[in-house]
Amino acid sequence: MRNALRVALGSGSGPPPEQLLVSNAVLRLLQTVATGEPLLIVIDDPHWVDRASTTVLGFVARQVSGLGVSFMAARARES
């Protein structure tokens, strides 16, 4: 799973990992981090997030119920 995240984030080499593997790797990482204390994930300007990232974030958001992980989307207000 660690290698899948590295490749997906561009810091590792190898073939592109399958989306479900990346989604589960992100979920596992967030579960690990949230074990010590609650975690808030803030998505800034969500309309700029690419489709693959949106799919992963959606998967994770549906799975974290009761794990101490919350999501919030923020959008800058235009003047």
PDB file of N, CA and C in Angstrom:
ATOM      1  N   MET A   1       0.815  -1.193   0.000  1.00  0.00           N
ATOM      2  CA  MET A   1       0.000   0.000   0.000  1.00  0.00           C
ATOM      3  C   MET A   1       0.862   1.262   0.000  1.00  0.00           C
ATOM      4  N   ARG A   2       1.941   1.219   0.732  1.00  0.00           N
ATOM      5  CA  ARG A   2       2.826   2.380   0.814  1.00  0.00           C
ATOM      6  C   ARG A   2       3.357   2.741  -0.577  1.00  0.00           C
ATOM      7  N   ASN A   3       3.770   1.742  -1.342  1.00  0.00           N
ATOM      8  CA  ASN A   3       4.296   1.996  -2.676  1.00  0.00           C
ATOM      9  C   ASN A   3       3.209   2.551  -3.590  1.00  0.00           C
ATOM     10  N   ALA A   4       1.988   2.068  -3.441  1.00  0.00           N
ATOM     11  CA  ALA A   4       0.877   2.573  -4.259  1.00  0.00           C
ATOM     12  C   ALA A   4       0.690   4.070  -4.030  1.00  0.00           C
ATOM     13  N   LEU A   5       0.768   4.501  -2.771  1.00  0.00           N
ATOM     14  CA  LEU A   5       0.639   5.930  -2.479  1.00  0.00           C
ATOM     15  C   LEU A   5       1.808   6.723  -3.048  1.00  0.00           C
ATOM     16  N   ARG A   6       2.992   6.188  -2.921  1.00  0.00           N
ATOM     17  CA  ARG A   6       4.160   6.883  -3.461  1.00  0.00           C
ATOM     18  C   ARG A   6       4.034   7.073  -4.969  1.00  0.00           C
ATOM     19  N   VAL A   7       3.629   6.036  -5.669  1.00  0.00           N
ATOM     20  CA  VAL A   7       3.468   6.141  -7.126  1.00  0.00           C
ATOM     21  C   VAL A   7       2.341   7.117  -7.453  1.00  0.00           C
ATOM     22  N   ALA A   8       1.222   7.005  -6.746  1.00  0.00           N
ATOM     23  CA  ALA A   8       0.075   7.883  -7.017  1.00  0.00           C
ATOM     24  C   ALA A   8       0.415   9.353  -6.773  1.00  0.00           C
ATOM     25  N   LEU A   9       1.280   9.618  -5.796  1.00  0.00           N
ATOM     26  CA  LEU A   9       1.652  10.999  -5.475  1.00  0.00           C
ATOM     27  C   LEU A   9       2.878  11.478  -6.243  1.00  0.00           C
ATOM     28  N   GLY A  10       3.436  10.604  -7.068  1.00  0.00           N
ATOM     29  CA  GLY A  10       4.550  11.004  -7.919  1.00  0.00           C
ATOM     30  C   GLY A  10       5.914  10.932  -7.269  1.00  0.00           C
ATOM     31  N   SER A  11       6.014  10.337  -6.095  1.00  0.00           N
ATOM     32  CA  SER A  11       7.320  10.242  -5.443  1.00  0.00           C
ATOM     33  C   SER A  11       7.921   8.838  -5.540  1.00  0.00           C
ATOM     34  N   GLY A  12       7.265   7.954  -6.256  1.00  0.00           N
ATOM     35  CA  GLY A  12       7.769   6.606  -6.467  1.00  0.00           C
ATOM     36  C   GLY A  12       7.639   6.230  -7.923  1.00  0.00           C
ATOM     37  N   SER A  13       8.268   5.149  -8.284  1.00  0.00           N
ATOM     38  CA  SER A  13       8.192   4.711  -9.678  1.00  0.00           C
ATOM     39  C   SER A  13       7.434   3.396  -9.763  1.00  0.00           C
ATOM     40  N   GLY A  14       6.886   3.161 -10.930  1.00  0.00           N
ATOM     41  CA  GLY A  14       6.147   1.933 -11.166  1.00  0.00           C
ATOM     42  C   GLY A  14       4.889   2.232 -11.941  1.00  0.00           C
ATOM     43  N   PRO A  15       4.163   1.191 -12.276  1.00  0.00           N
ATOM     44  CA  PRO A  15       2.919   1.385 -13.019  1.00  0.00           C
ATOM     45  C   PRO A  15       1.872   2.060 -12.123  1.00  0.00           C
ATOM     46  N   PRO A  16       0.965   2.806 -12.721  1.00  0.00           N
ATOM     47  CA  PRO A  16      -0.081   3.454 -11.924  1.00  0.00           C
ATOM     48  C   PRO A  16      -0.889   2.408 -11.147  1.00  0.00           C
ATOM     49  N   PRO A  17      -1.052   2.603  -9.847  1.00  0.00           N
ATOM     50  CA  PRO A  17      -1.818   1.638  -9.055  1.00  0.00           C
ATOM     51  C   PRO A  17      -3.313   1.763  -9.335  1.00  0.00           C
ATOM     52  N   GLU A  18      -4.019   0.684  -9.080  1.00  0.00           N
ATOM     53  CA  GLU A  18      -5.471   0.713  -9.257  1.00  0.00           C
ATOM     54  C   GLU A  18      -6.087   1.640  -8.213  1.00  0.00           C
ATOM     55  N   GLN A  19      -7.195   2.248  -8.606  1.00  0.00           N
ATOM     56  CA  GLN A  19      -7.830   3.250  -7.756  1.00  0.00           C
ATOM     57  C   GLN A  19      -8.292   2.686  -6.416  1.00  0.00           C
ATOM     58  N   LEU A  20      -8.786   1.462  -6.405  1.00  0.00           N
ATOM     59  CA  LEU A  20      -9.228   0.863  -5.142  1.00  0.00           C
ATOM     60  C   LEU A  20      -8.050   0.670  -4.193  1.00  0.00           C
ATOM     61  N   LEU A  21      -6.898   0.304  -4.714  1.00  0.00           N
ATOM     62  CA  LEU A  21      -5.699   0.152  -3.877  1.00  0.00           C
ATOM     63  C   LEU A  21      -5.297   1.494  -3.274  1.00  0.00           C
ATOM     64  N   VAL A  22      -5.315   2.543  -4.076  1.00  0.00           N
ATOM     65  CA  VAL A  22      -4.986   3.883  -3.571  1.00  0.00           C
ATOM     66  C   VAL A  22      -6.010   4.315  -2.531  1.00  0.00           C
ATOM     67  N   SER A  23      -7.282   4.089  -2.813  1.00  0.00           N
ATOM     68  CA  SER A  23      -8.344   4.469  -1.867  1.00  0.00           C
ATOM     69  C   SER A  23      -8.159   3.769  -0.527  1.00  0.00           C
ATOM     70  N   ASN A  24      -7.886   2.474  -0.561  1.00  0.00           N
ATOM     71  CA  ASN A  24      -7.679   1.735   0.687  1.00  0.00           C
ATOM     72  C   ASN A  24      -6.407   2.165   1.396  1.00  0.00           C
ATOM     73  N   ALA A  25      -5.370   2.509   0.643  1.00  0.00           N
ATOM     74  CA  ALA A  25      -4.126   2.980   1.257  1.00  0.00           C
ATOM     75  C   ALA A  25      -4.345   4.316   1.969  1.00  0.00           C
ATOM     76  N   VAL A  26      -5.083   5.219   1.347  1.00  0.00           N
ATOM     77  CA  VAL A  26      -5.385   6.508   1.974  1.00  0.00           C
ATOM     78  C   VAL A  26      -6.234   6.287   3.222  1.00  0.00           C
ATOM     79  N   LEU A  27      -7.217   5.420   3.126  1.00  0.00           N
ATOM     80  CA  LEU A  27      -8.066   5.124   4.282  1.00  0.00           C
ATOM     81  C   LEU A  27      -7.228   4.569   5.432  1.00  0.00           C
ATOM     82  N   ARG A  28      -6.350   3.637   5.151  1.00  0.00           N
ATOM     83  CA  ARG A  28      -5.491   3.049   6.192  1.00  0.00           C
ATOM     84  C   ARG A  28      -4.590   4.109   6.820  1.00  0.00           C
ATOM     85  N   LEU A  29      -4.018   4.979   5.990  1.00  0.00           N
ATOM     86  CA  LEU A  29      -3.150   6.047   6.495  1.00  0.00           C
ATOM     87  C   LEU A  29      -3.922   6.978   7.425  1.00  0.00           C
ATOM     88  N   LEU A  30      -5.107   7.396   7.012  1.00  0.00           N
ATOM     89  CA  LEU A  30      -5.900   8.299   7.843  1.00  0.00           C
ATOM     90  C   LEU A  30      -6.348   7.617   9.138  1.00  0.00           C
ATOM     91  N   GLN A  31      -6.684   6.335   9.067  1.00  0.00           N
ATOM     92  CA  GLN A  31      -7.040   5.599  10.283  1.00  0.00           C
ATOM     93  C   GLN A  31      -5.876   5.580  11.265  1.00  0.00           C
ATOM     94  N   THR A  32      -4.686   5.368  10.752  1.00  0.00           N
ATOM     95  CA  THR A  32      -3.490   5.325  11.595  1.00  0.00           C
ATOM     96  C   THR A  32      -3.237   6.673  12.246  1.00  0.00           C
ATOM     97  N   VAL A  33      -3.336   7.738  11.471  1.00  0.00           N
ATOM     98  CA  VAL A  33      -3.091   9.080  12.010  1.00  0.00           C
ATOM     99  C   VAL A  33      -4.158   9.455  13.028  1.00  0.00           C
ATOM    100  N   ALA A  34      -5.405   9.089  12.767  1.00  0.00           N
ATOM    101  CA  ALA A  34      -6.504   9.470  13.652  1.00  0.00           C
ATOM    102  C   ALA A  34      -6.567   8.625  14.921  1.00  0.00           C
ATOM    103  N   THR A  35      -5.723   7.623  15.037  1.00  0.00           N
ATOM    104  CA  THR A  35      -5.727   6.791  16.245  1.00  0.00           C
ATOM    105  C   THR A  35      -5.343   7.608  17.470  1.00  0.00           C
ATOM    106  N   GLY A  36      -4.384   8.514  17.314  1.00  0.00           N
ATOM    107  CA  GLY A  36      -3.912   9.318  18.436  1.00  0.00           C
ATOM    108  C   GLY A  36      -4.852  10.438  18.816  1.00  0.00           C
ATOM    109  N   GLU A  37      -5.463  11.063  17.844  1.00  0.00           N
ATOM    110  CA  GLU A  37      -6.379  12.174  18.088  1.00  0.00           C
ATOM    111  C   GLU A  37      -7.235  12.391  16.851  1.00  0.00           C
ATOM    112  N   PRO A  38      -8.391  13.063  17.004  1.00  0.00           N
ATOM    113  CA  PRO A  38      -9.268  13.299  15.860  1.00  0.00           C
ATOM    114  C   PRO A  38      -8.543  14.058  14.744  1.00  0.00           C
ATOM    115  N   LEU A  39      -8.981  13.821  13.532  1.00  0.00           N
ATOM    116  CA  LEU A  39      -8.341  14.397  12.361  1.00  0.00           C
ATOM    117  C   LEU A  39      -9.375  15.106  11.497  1.00  0.00           C
ATOM    118  N   LEU A  40      -9.063  16.312  11.075  1.00  0.00           N
ATOM    119  CA  LEU A  40      -9.926  17.058  10.175  1.00  0.00           C
ATOM    120  C   LEU A  40      -9.210  17.224   8.845  1.00  0.00           C
ATOM    121  N   ILE A  41      -9.831  16.781   7.769  1.00  0.00           N
ATOM    122  CA  ILE A  41      -9.300  16.930   6.421  1.00  0.00           C
ATOM    123  C   ILE A  41     -10.048  18.093   5.773  1.00  0.00           C
ATOM    124  N   VAL A  42      -9.312  19.130   5.381  1.00  0.00           N
ATOM    125  CA  VAL A  42      -9.927  20.291   4.742  1.00  0.00           C
ATOM    126  C   VAL A  42      -9.566  20.276   3.260  1.00  0.00           C
ATOM    127  N   ILE A  43     -10.574  20.289   2.425  1.00  0.00           N
ATOM    128  CA  ILE A  43     -10.382  20.331   0.978  1.00  0.00           C
ATOM    129  C   ILE A  43     -10.600  21.782   0.558  1.00  0.00           C
ATOM    130  N   ASP A  44      -9.526  22.442   0.161  1.00  0.00           N
ATOM    131  CA  ASP A  44      -9.585  23.842  -0.231  1.00  0.00           C
ATOM    132  C   ASP A  44      -9.931  23.932  -1.718  1.00  0.00           C
ATOM    133  N   ASP A  45     -10.901  24.769  -2.050  1.00  0.00           N
ATOM    134  CA  ASP A  45     -11.352  24.945  -3.434  1.00  0.00           C
ATOM    135  C   ASP A  45     -11.623  23.600  -4.103  1.00  0.00           C
ATOM    136  N   PRO A  46     -12.628  22.863  -3.620  1.00  0.00           N
ATOM    137  CA  PRO A  46     -12.879  21.510  -4.137  1.00  0.00           C
ATOM    138  C   PRO A  46     -13.176  21.457  -5.633  1.00  0.00           C
ATOM    139  N   HIS A  47     -13.600  22.558  -6.211  1.00  0.00           N
ATOM    140  CA  HIS A  47     -13.886  22.541  -7.645  1.00  0.00           C
ATOM    141  C   HIS A  47     -12.618  22.376  -8.484  1.00  0.00           C
ATOM    142  N   TRP A  48     -11.443  22.519  -7.889  1.00  0.00           N
ATOM    143  CA  TRP A  48     -10.176  22.327  -8.596  1.00  0.00           C
ATOM    144  C   TRP A  48      -9.604  20.922  -8.427  1.00  0.00           C
ATOM    145  N   VAL A  49     -10.225  20.095  -7.593  1.00  0.00           N
ATOM    146  CA  VAL A  49      -9.721  18.742  -7.345  1.00  0.00           C
ATOM    147  C   VAL A  49     -10.012  17.862  -8.559  1.00  0.00           C
ATOM    148  N   ASP A  50      -9.001  17.114  -8.998  1.00  0.00           N
ATOM    149  CA  ASP A  50      -9.175  16.261 -10.181  1.00  0.00           C
ATOM    150  C   ASP A  50     -10.092  15.077  -9.875  1.00  0.00           C
ATOM    151  N   ARG A  51     -10.566  14.452 -10.935  1.00  0.00           N
ATOM    152  CA  ARG A  51     -11.560  13.378 -10.811  1.00  0.00           C
ATOM    153  C   ARG A  51     -11.044  12.190  -9.987  1.00  0.00           C
ATOM    154  N   ALA A  52      -9.813  11.762 -10.222  1.00  0.00           N
ATOM    155  CA  ALA A  52      -9.273  10.613  -9.485  1.00  0.00           C
ATOM    156  C   ALA A  52      -9.202  10.919  -7.987  1.00  0.00           C
ATOM    157  N   SER A  53      -8.754  12.115  -7.639  1.00  0.00           N
ATOM    158  CA  SER A  53      -8.670  12.502  -6.221  1.00  0.00           C
ATOM    159  C   SER A  53     -10.059  12.603  -5.600  1.00  0.00           C
ATOM    160  N   THR A  54     -11.016  13.125  -6.356  1.00  0.00           N
ATOM    161  CA  THR A  54     -12.389  13.225  -5.870  1.00  0.00           C
ATOM    162  C   THR A  54     -12.957  11.842  -5.576  1.00  0.00           C
ATOM    163  N   THR A  55     -12.672  10.899  -6.446  1.00  0.00           N
ATOM    164  CA  THR A  55     -13.156   9.533  -6.244  1.00  0.00           C
ATOM    165  C   THR A  55     -12.544   8.919  -4.986  1.00  0.00           C
ATOM    166  N   VAL A  56     -11.243   9.102  -4.799  1.00  0.00           N
ATOM    167  CA  VAL A  56     -10.575   8.569  -3.607  1.00  0.00           C
ATOM    168  C   VAL A  56     -11.128   9.241  -2.355  1.00  0.00           C
ATOM    169  N   LEU A  57     -11.245  10.552  -2.374  1.00  0.00           N
ATOM    170  CA  LEU A  57     -11.768  11.264  -1.202  1.00  0.00           C
ATOM    171  C   LEU A  57     -13.199  10.855  -0.892  1.00  0.00           C
ATOM    172  N   GLY A  58     -14.014  10.657  -1.919  1.00  0.00           N
ATOM    173  CA  GLY A  58     -15.391  10.203  -1.709  1.00  0.00           C
ATOM    174  C   GLY A  58     -15.436   8.829  -1.065  1.00  0.00           C
ATOM    175  N   PHE A  59     -14.596   7.923  -1.556  1.00  0.00           N
ATOM    176  CA  PHE A  59     -14.506   6.579  -0.979  1.00  0.00           C
ATOM    177  C   PHE A  59     -14.131   6.660   0.499  1.00  0.00           C
ATOM    178  N   VAL A  60     -13.093   7.423   0.784  1.00  0.00           N
ATOM    179  CA  VAL A  60     -12.607   7.530   2.157  1.00  0.00           C
ATOM    180  C   VAL A  60     -13.671   8.174   3.052  1.00  0.00           C
ATOM    181  N   ALA A  61     -14.311   9.226   2.574  1.00  0.00           N
ATOM    182  CA  ALA A  61     -15.329   9.915   3.378  1.00  0.00           C
ATOM    183  C   ALA A  61     -16.479   8.974   3.752  1.00  0.00           C
ATOM    184  N   ARG A  62     -16.818   8.050   2.858  1.00  0.00           N
ATOM    185  CA  ARG A  62     -17.895   7.097   3.160  1.00  0.00           C
ATOM    186  C   ARG A  62     -17.467   6.016   4.147  1.00  0.00           C
ATOM    187  N   GLN A  63     -16.172   5.797   4.308  1.00  0.00           N
ATOM    188  CA  GLN A  63     -15.666   4.702   5.140  1.00  0.00           C
ATOM    189  C   GLN A  63     -15.227   5.121   6.540  1.00  0.00           C
ATOM    190  N   VAL A  64     -15.067   6.411   6.802  1.00  0.00           N
ATOM    191  CA  VAL A  64     -14.443   6.844   8.060  1.00  0.00           C
ATOM    192  C   VAL A  64     -15.415   7.065   9.214  1.00  0.00           C
ATOM    193  N   SER A  65     -16.657   6.778   9.028  1.00  0.00           N
ATOM    194  CA  SER A  65     -17.630   6.984  10.089  1.00  0.00           C
ATOM    195  C   SER A  65     -17.181   6.290  11.377  1.00  0.00           C
ATOM    196  N   GLY A  66     -17.104   7.049  12.458  1.00  0.00           N
ATOM    197  CA  GLY A  66     -16.721   6.507  13.750  1.00  0.00           C
ATOM    198  C   GLY A  66     -15.226   6.331  13.969  1.00  0.00           C
ATOM    199  N   LEU A  67     -14.412   6.798  13.027  1.00  0.00           N
ATOM    200  CA  LEU A  67     -12.964   6.621  13.145  1.00  0.00           C
ATOM    201  C   LEU A  67     -12.239   7.879  13.604  1.00  0.00           C
ATOM    202  N   GLY A  68     -12.961   8.950  13.876  1.00  0.00           N
ATOM    203  CA  GLY A  68     -12.316  10.181  14.316  1.00  0.00           C
ATOM    204  C   GLY A  68     -11.754  11.011  13.171  1.00  0.00           C
ATOM    205  N   VAL A  69     -12.259  10.795  11.968  1.00  0.00           N
ATOM    206  CA  VAL A  69     -11.832  11.562  10.802  1.00  0.00           C
ATOM    207  C   VAL A  69     -13.044  12.296  10.252  1.00  0.00           C
ATOM    208  N   SER A  70     -12.892  13.610  10.051  1.00  0.00           N
ATOM    209  CA  SER A  70     -13.960  14.429   9.488  1.00  0.00           C
ATOM    210  C   SER A  70     -13.439  15.170   8.268  1.00  0.00           C
ATOM    211  N   PHE A  71     -14.346  15.494   7.365  1.00  0.00           N
ATOM    212  CA  PHE A  71     -14.009  16.235   6.154  1.00  0.00           C
ATOM    213  C   PHE A  71     -14.725  17.579   6.145  1.00  0.00           C
ATOM    214  N   MET A  72     -14.068  18.562   5.576  1.00  0.00           N
ATOM    215  CA  MET A  72     -14.686  19.868   5.388  1.00  0.00           C
ATOM    216  C   MET A  72     -14.174  20.433   4.061  1.00  0.00           C
ATOM    217  N   ALA A  73     -15.074  21.003   3.288  1.00  0.00           N
ATOM    218  CA  ALA A  73     -14.683  21.642   2.040  1.00  0.00           C
ATOM    219  C   ALA A  73     -14.788  23.154   2.224  1.00  0.00           C
ATOM    220  N   ALA A  74     -13.812  23.871   1.708  1.00  0.00           N
ATOM    221  CA  ALA A  74     -13.792  25.330   1.837  1.00  0.00           C
ATOM    222  C   ALA A  74     -13.562  25.938   0.466  1.00  0.00           C
ATOM    223  N   ARG A  75     -14.265  26.991   0.198  1.00  0.00           N
ATOM    224  CA  ARG A  75     -14.097  27.681  -1.071  1.00  0.00           C
ATOM    225  C   ARG A  75     -13.912  29.160  -0.798  1.00  0.00           C
ATOM    226  N   ALA A  76     -12.901  29.722  -1.403  1.00  0.00           N
ATOM    227  CA  ALA A  76     -12.642  31.159  -1.238  1.00  0.00           C
ATOM    228  C   ALA A  76     -13.795  31.943  -1.840  1.00  0.00           C
ATOM    229  N   ARG A  77     -14.196  32.963  -1.144  1.00  0.00           N
ATOM    230  CA  ARG A  77     -15.275  33.815  -1.649  1.00  0.00           C
ATOM    231  C   ARG A  77     -14.711  34.813  -2.627  1.00  0.00           C
ATOM    232  N   GLU A  78     -15.347  34.924  -3.760  1.00  0.00           N
ATOM    233  CA  GLU A  78     -14.881  35.865  -4.771  1.00  0.00           C
ATOM    234  C   GLU A  78     -15.332  37.277  -4.418  1.00  0.00           C
ATOM    235  N   SER A  79     -14.469  38.220  -4.717  1.00  0.00           N
ATOM    236  CA  SER A  79     -14.775  39.623  -4.399  1.00  0.00           C
ATOM    237  C   SER A  79     -15.607  40.252  -5.481  1.00  0.00           C
TER     238      SER A  79
END
